[in-house]
Amino acid sequence: MRALIQRVSHASVTVDGAVVGQTGPGLLVLICAMAGDGEAQADQLAAKIAKLRIFKDAANKMNRSVLDIGGGALVVSQFTLAADTRSGNRPGFSSAAPPAEGERLYEYFAAQLAAQGVPVETGRFGADMKVELLNDGPVTIWMDI
């Protein structure tokens, strides 16, 4: 699985003019299931993200996790993280999981992150979403599992 994690002051996702998910201080997690991924990769990624120490401690060092700060996560599906731009000017997405499997793993990942103790809200798989965020830092981390 592939994820782009952003430390945020707040983030929200809107579909058809209605907010469907949001978080205050915490993480915006853009997530893509890749072809061949399964629950083991989702489990590993959820555990890693829950414990990722990218929030400041009292000494102003990145030493605290989203769990430590009592933050939440907004998880948004984003198949375009699978973009292959090595040839031509149009990205290819053949390395992304097929839509049905991608949706299943997206929902499974969100549930596993919540099971780690992180309050989770989500976007809507396959929808045209508008994502708003205030990146804190900025801190943006790329993960492949």
C-alpha atoms as a PDB file:
ATOM      1  CA  MET A   1       0.000   0.000   0.000  1.00  0.00           C
ATOM      2  CA  ARG A   2       1.080   3.534  -0.618  1.00  0.00           C
ATOM      3  CA  ALA A   3       0.253   6.538   1.546  1.00  0.00           C
ATOM      4  CA  LEU A   4       0.952  10.235   1.625  1.00  0.00           C
ATOM      5  CA  ILE A   5       0.650  11.455   5.213  1.00  0.00           C
ATOM      6  CA  GLN A   6       0.324  15.119   6.092  1.00  0.00           C
ATOM      7  CA  ARG A   7       0.416  16.583   9.575  1.00  0.00           C
ATOM      8  CA  VAL A   8      -2.532  18.966   9.662  1.00  0.00           C
ATOM      9  CA  SER A   9      -4.114  21.562  11.903  1.00  0.00           C
ATOM     10  CA  HIS A  10      -7.399  20.574  10.268  1.00  0.00           C
ATOM     11  CA  ALA A  11      -8.646  18.857   7.123  1.00  0.00           C
ATOM     12  CA  SER A  12     -11.993  18.093   5.516  1.00  0.00           C
ATOM     13  CA  VAL A  13     -13.378  16.361   2.446  1.00  0.00           C
ATOM     14  CA  THR A  14     -16.513  17.495   0.640  1.00  0.00           C
ATOM     15  CA  VAL A  15     -18.639  15.540  -1.848  1.00  0.00           C
ATOM     16  CA  ASP A  16     -21.465  17.263  -3.755  1.00  0.00           C
ATOM     17  CA  GLY A  17     -21.215  20.305  -1.469  1.00  0.00           C
ATOM     18  CA  ALA A  18     -21.509  18.330   1.782  1.00  0.00           C
ATOM     19  CA  VAL A  19     -18.675  17.624   4.220  1.00  0.00           C
ATOM     20  CA  VAL A  20     -18.391  13.846   4.526  1.00  0.00           C
ATOM     21  CA  GLY A  21     -15.285  13.658   6.719  1.00  0.00           C
ATOM     22  CA  GLN A  22     -13.071  15.947   8.756  1.00  0.00           C
ATOM     23  CA  THR A  23     -10.436  16.091  11.455  1.00  0.00           C
ATOM     24  CA  GLY A  24      -8.928  18.677  13.721  1.00  0.00           C
ATOM     25  CA  PRO A  25      -5.246  18.430  14.651  1.00  0.00           C
ATOM     26  CA  GLY A  26      -3.868  15.159  13.357  1.00  0.00           C
ATOM     27  CA  LEU A  27      -3.291  13.511  10.012  1.00  0.00           C
ATOM     28  CA  LEU A  28      -4.602  13.608   6.488  1.00  0.00           C
ATOM     29  CA  VAL A  29      -3.823  10.192   5.002  1.00  0.00           C
ATOM     30  CA  LEU A  30      -4.126   9.836   1.232  1.00  0.00           C
ATOM     31  CA  ILE A  31      -4.121   6.097   0.572  1.00  0.00           C
ATOM     32  CA  CYS A  32      -3.782   3.837  -2.470  1.00  0.00           C
ATOM     33  CA  ALA A  33      -3.986   0.067  -2.591  1.00  0.00           C
ATOM     34  CA  MET A  34      -1.514  -1.271  -5.123  1.00  0.00           C
ATOM     35  CA  ALA A  35      -1.988  -4.403  -7.242  1.00  0.00           C
ATOM     36  CA  GLY A  36      -1.107  -7.430  -5.128  1.00  0.00           C
ATOM     37  CA  ASP A  37      -1.699  -5.708  -1.783  1.00  0.00           C
ATOM     38  CA  GLY A  38      -3.668  -7.446   0.924  1.00  0.00           C
ATOM     39  CA  GLU A  39      -4.735  -7.094   4.526  1.00  0.00           C
ATOM     40  CA  ALA A  40      -1.183  -7.707   5.799  1.00  0.00           C
ATOM     41  CA  GLN A  41       0.043  -4.533   4.085  1.00  0.00           C
ATOM     42  CA  ALA A  42      -2.939  -2.542   5.403  1.00  0.00           C
ATOM     43  CA  ASP A  43      -2.317  -3.830   8.938  1.00  0.00           C
ATOM     44  CA  GLN A  44       1.356  -2.919   8.787  1.00  0.00           C
ATOM     45  CA  LEU A  45       0.682   0.546   7.360  1.00  0.00           C
ATOM     46  CA  ALA A  46      -2.028   1.343   9.924  1.00  0.00           C
ATOM     47  CA  ALA A  47       0.237   0.336  12.819  1.00  0.00           C
ATOM     48  CA  LYS A  48       3.143   2.358  11.426  1.00  0.00           C
ATOM     49  CA  ILE A  49       1.060   5.501  10.854  1.00  0.00           C
ATOM     50  CA  ALA A  50      -0.565   5.361  14.303  1.00  0.00           C
ATOM     51  CA  LYS A  51       2.882   5.333  15.925  1.00  0.00           C
ATOM     52  CA  LEU A  52       4.657   7.701  13.504  1.00  0.00           C
ATOM     53  CA  ARG A  53       6.339  10.377  15.642  1.00  0.00           C
ATOM     54  CA  ILE A  54       5.852  13.556  13.619  1.00  0.00           C
ATOM     55  CA  PHE A  55       4.253  15.841  16.222  1.00  0.00           C
ATOM     56  CA  LYS A  56       6.261  18.203  18.398  1.00  0.00           C
ATOM     57  CA  ASP A  57       7.015  17.488  22.030  1.00  0.00           C
ATOM     58  CA  ALA A  58       7.696  20.053  24.780  1.00  0.00           C
ATOM     59  CA  ALA A  59      11.258  20.501  23.447  1.00  0.00           C
ATOM     60  CA  ASN A  60       9.879  21.308  19.974  1.00  0.00           C
ATOM     61  CA  LYS A  61      11.194  18.037  18.496  1.00  0.00           C
ATOM     62  CA  MET A  62       9.139  15.667  16.357  1.00  0.00           C
ATOM     63  CA  ASN A  63       8.775  13.007  19.022  1.00  0.00           C
ATOM     64  CA  ARG A  64       5.032  12.393  19.472  1.00  0.00           C
ATOM     65  CA  SER A  65       2.522  10.312  17.508  1.00  0.00           C
ATOM     66  CA  VAL A  66      -1.066  11.113  16.596  1.00  0.00           C
ATOM     67  CA  LEU A  67      -2.024   8.813  19.489  1.00  0.00           C
ATOM     68  CA  ASP A  68       0.188  10.789  21.881  1.00  0.00           C
ATOM     69  CA  ILE A  69      -1.474  14.096  20.990  1.00  0.00           C
ATOM     70  CA  GLY A  70      -5.023  12.701  20.977  1.00  0.00           C
ATOM     71  CA  GLY A  71      -5.401  13.660  17.318  1.00  0.00           C
ATOM     72  CA  GLY A  72      -7.521  12.175  14.577  1.00  0.00           C
ATOM     73  CA  ALA A  73      -7.085  11.093  10.980  1.00  0.00           C
ATOM     74  CA  LEU A  74      -8.945  11.866   7.797  1.00  0.00           C
ATOM     75  CA  VAL A  75      -8.389   8.946   5.400  1.00  0.00           C
ATOM     76  CA  VAL A  76      -9.000   9.654   1.715  1.00  0.00           C
ATOM     77  CA  SER A  77      -8.685   7.161  -1.141  1.00  0.00           C
ATOM     78  CA  GLN A  78      -6.393   8.372  -3.918  1.00  0.00           C
ATOM     79  CA  PHE A  79      -5.613   5.928  -6.711  1.00  0.00           C
ATOM     80  CA  THR A  80      -3.483   8.587  -8.424  1.00  0.00           C
ATOM     81  CA  LEU A  81      -0.713   7.799  -5.921  1.00  0.00           C
ATOM     82  CA  ALA A  82      -0.088   4.809  -8.201  1.00  0.00           C
ATOM     83  CA  ALA A  83       0.780   7.112 -11.121  1.00  0.00           C
ATOM     84  CA  ASP A  84       3.556   5.902 -13.389  1.00  0.00           C
ATOM     85  CA  THR A  85       5.109   8.914 -15.122  1.00  0.00           C
ATOM     86  CA  ARG A  86       8.223   7.259 -16.546  1.00  0.00           C
ATOM     87  CA  SER A  87       7.155   7.514 -20.170  1.00  0.00           C
ATOM     88  CA  GLY A  88       5.111  10.077 -22.032  1.00  0.00           C
ATOM     89  CA  ASN A  89       3.125  12.889 -20.501  1.00  0.00           C
ATOM     90  CA  ARG A  90       0.027  10.983 -19.442  1.00  0.00           C
ATOM     91  CA  PRO A  91       0.378   9.015 -16.191  1.00  0.00           C
ATOM     92  CA  GLY A  92      -0.565   5.350 -16.129  1.00  0.00           C
ATOM     93  CA  PHE A  93      -2.360   3.757 -13.200  1.00  0.00           C
ATOM     94  CA  SER A  94      -2.085   0.053 -13.989  1.00  0.00           C
ATOM     95  CA  SER A  95      -0.156  -0.594 -10.763  1.00  0.00           C
ATOM     96  CA  ALA A  96      -3.187   0.397  -8.643  1.00  0.00           C
ATOM     97  CA  ALA A  97      -5.389  -2.383  -7.296  1.00  0.00           C
ATOM     98  CA  PRO A  98      -8.602  -2.997  -9.253  1.00  0.00           C
ATOM     99  CA  PRO A  99     -11.435  -0.733  -7.999  1.00  0.00           C
ATOM    100  CA  ALA A 100     -13.345  -3.353  -5.979  1.00  0.00           C
ATOM    101  CA  GLU A 101     -10.180  -4.546  -4.222  1.00  0.00           C
ATOM    102  CA  GLY A 102      -8.972  -0.970  -3.780  1.00  0.00           C
ATOM    103  CA  GLU A 103     -12.221  -0.014  -2.066  1.00  0.00           C
ATOM    104  CA  ARG A 104     -12.153  -3.092   0.174  1.00  0.00           C
ATOM    105  CA  LEU A 105      -8.574  -2.400   1.270  1.00  0.00           C
ATOM    106  CA  TYR A 106      -9.250   1.324   1.736  1.00  0.00           C
ATOM    107  CA  GLU A 107     -12.131   0.560   4.094  1.00  0.00           C
ATOM    108  CA  TYR A 108     -10.120  -2.160   5.825  1.00  0.00           C
ATOM    109  CA  PHE A 109      -7.159   0.210   6.311  1.00  0.00           C
ATOM    110  CA  ALA A 110      -9.403   2.912   7.821  1.00  0.00           C
ATOM    111  CA  ALA A 111     -10.896   0.345  10.221  1.00  0.00           C
ATOM    112  CA  GLN A 112      -7.428  -0.904  11.210  1.00  0.00           C
ATOM    113  CA  LEU A 113      -6.197   2.637  11.886  1.00  0.00           C
ATOM    114  CA  ALA A 114      -9.263   3.193  14.069  1.00  0.00           C
ATOM    115  CA  ALA A 115      -8.542  -0.120  15.844  1.00  0.00           C
ATOM    116  CA  GLN A 116      -5.123   1.328  16.760  1.00  0.00           C
ATOM    117  CA  GLY A 117      -7.010   3.984  18.760  1.00  0.00           C
ATOM    118  CA  VAL A 118      -6.975   6.836  16.240  1.00  0.00           C
ATOM    119  CA  PRO A 119     -10.352   8.532  15.652  1.00  0.00           C
ATOM    120  CA  VAL A 120     -10.892   8.140  11.881  1.00  0.00           C
ATOM    121  CA  GLU A 121     -13.162   9.826   9.384  1.00  0.00           C
ATOM    122  CA  THR A 122     -13.075   9.093   5.670  1.00  0.00           C
ATOM    123  CA  GLY A 123     -13.806  10.445   2.261  1.00  0.00           C
ATOM    124  CA  ARG A 124     -15.995   8.542  -0.207  1.00  0.00           C
ATOM    125  CA  PHE A 125     -14.284   5.979  -2.412  1.00  0.00           C
ATOM    126  CA  GLY A 126     -14.553   6.770  -6.121  1.00  0.00           C
ATOM    127  CA  ALA A 127     -16.305  10.112  -5.599  1.00  0.00           C
ATOM    128  CA  ASP A 128     -15.201  13.478  -6.947  1.00  0.00           C
ATOM    129  CA  MET A 129     -13.908  14.886  -3.659  1.00  0.00           C
ATOM    130  CA  LYS A 130     -12.740  18.333  -2.654  1.00  0.00           C
ATOM    131  CA  VAL A 131     -10.081  18.104   0.058  1.00  0.00           C
ATOM    132  CA  GLU A 132      -9.175  21.100   2.183  1.00  0.00           C
ATOM    133  CA  LEU A 133      -6.325  21.105   4.659  1.00  0.00           C
ATOM    134  CA  LEU A 134      -4.014  23.304   6.630  1.00  0.00           C
ATOM    135  CA  ASN A 135      -0.677  21.483   6.514  1.00  0.00           C
ATOM    136  CA  ASP A 136       1.150  21.985   9.808  1.00  0.00           C
ATOM    137  CA  GLY A 137       4.893  22.468   9.407  1.00  0.00           C
ATOM    138  CA  PRO A 138       4.599  21.601   6.603  1.00  0.00           C
ATOM    139  CA  VAL A 139       5.159  17.940   7.344  1.00  0.00           C
ATOM    140  CA  THR A 140       4.474  15.493   4.511  1.00  0.00           C
ATOM    141  CA  ILE A 141       5.644  11.862   4.575  1.00  0.00           C
ATOM    142  CA  TRP A 142       5.533   9.287   1.743  1.00  0.00           C
ATOM    143  CA  MET A 143       5.167   5.613   2.729  1.00  0.00           C
ATOM    144  CA  ASP A 144       5.237   2.423   0.706  1.00  0.00           C
ATOM    145  CA  ILE A 145       4.543  -0.866   2.487  1.00  0.00           C
END
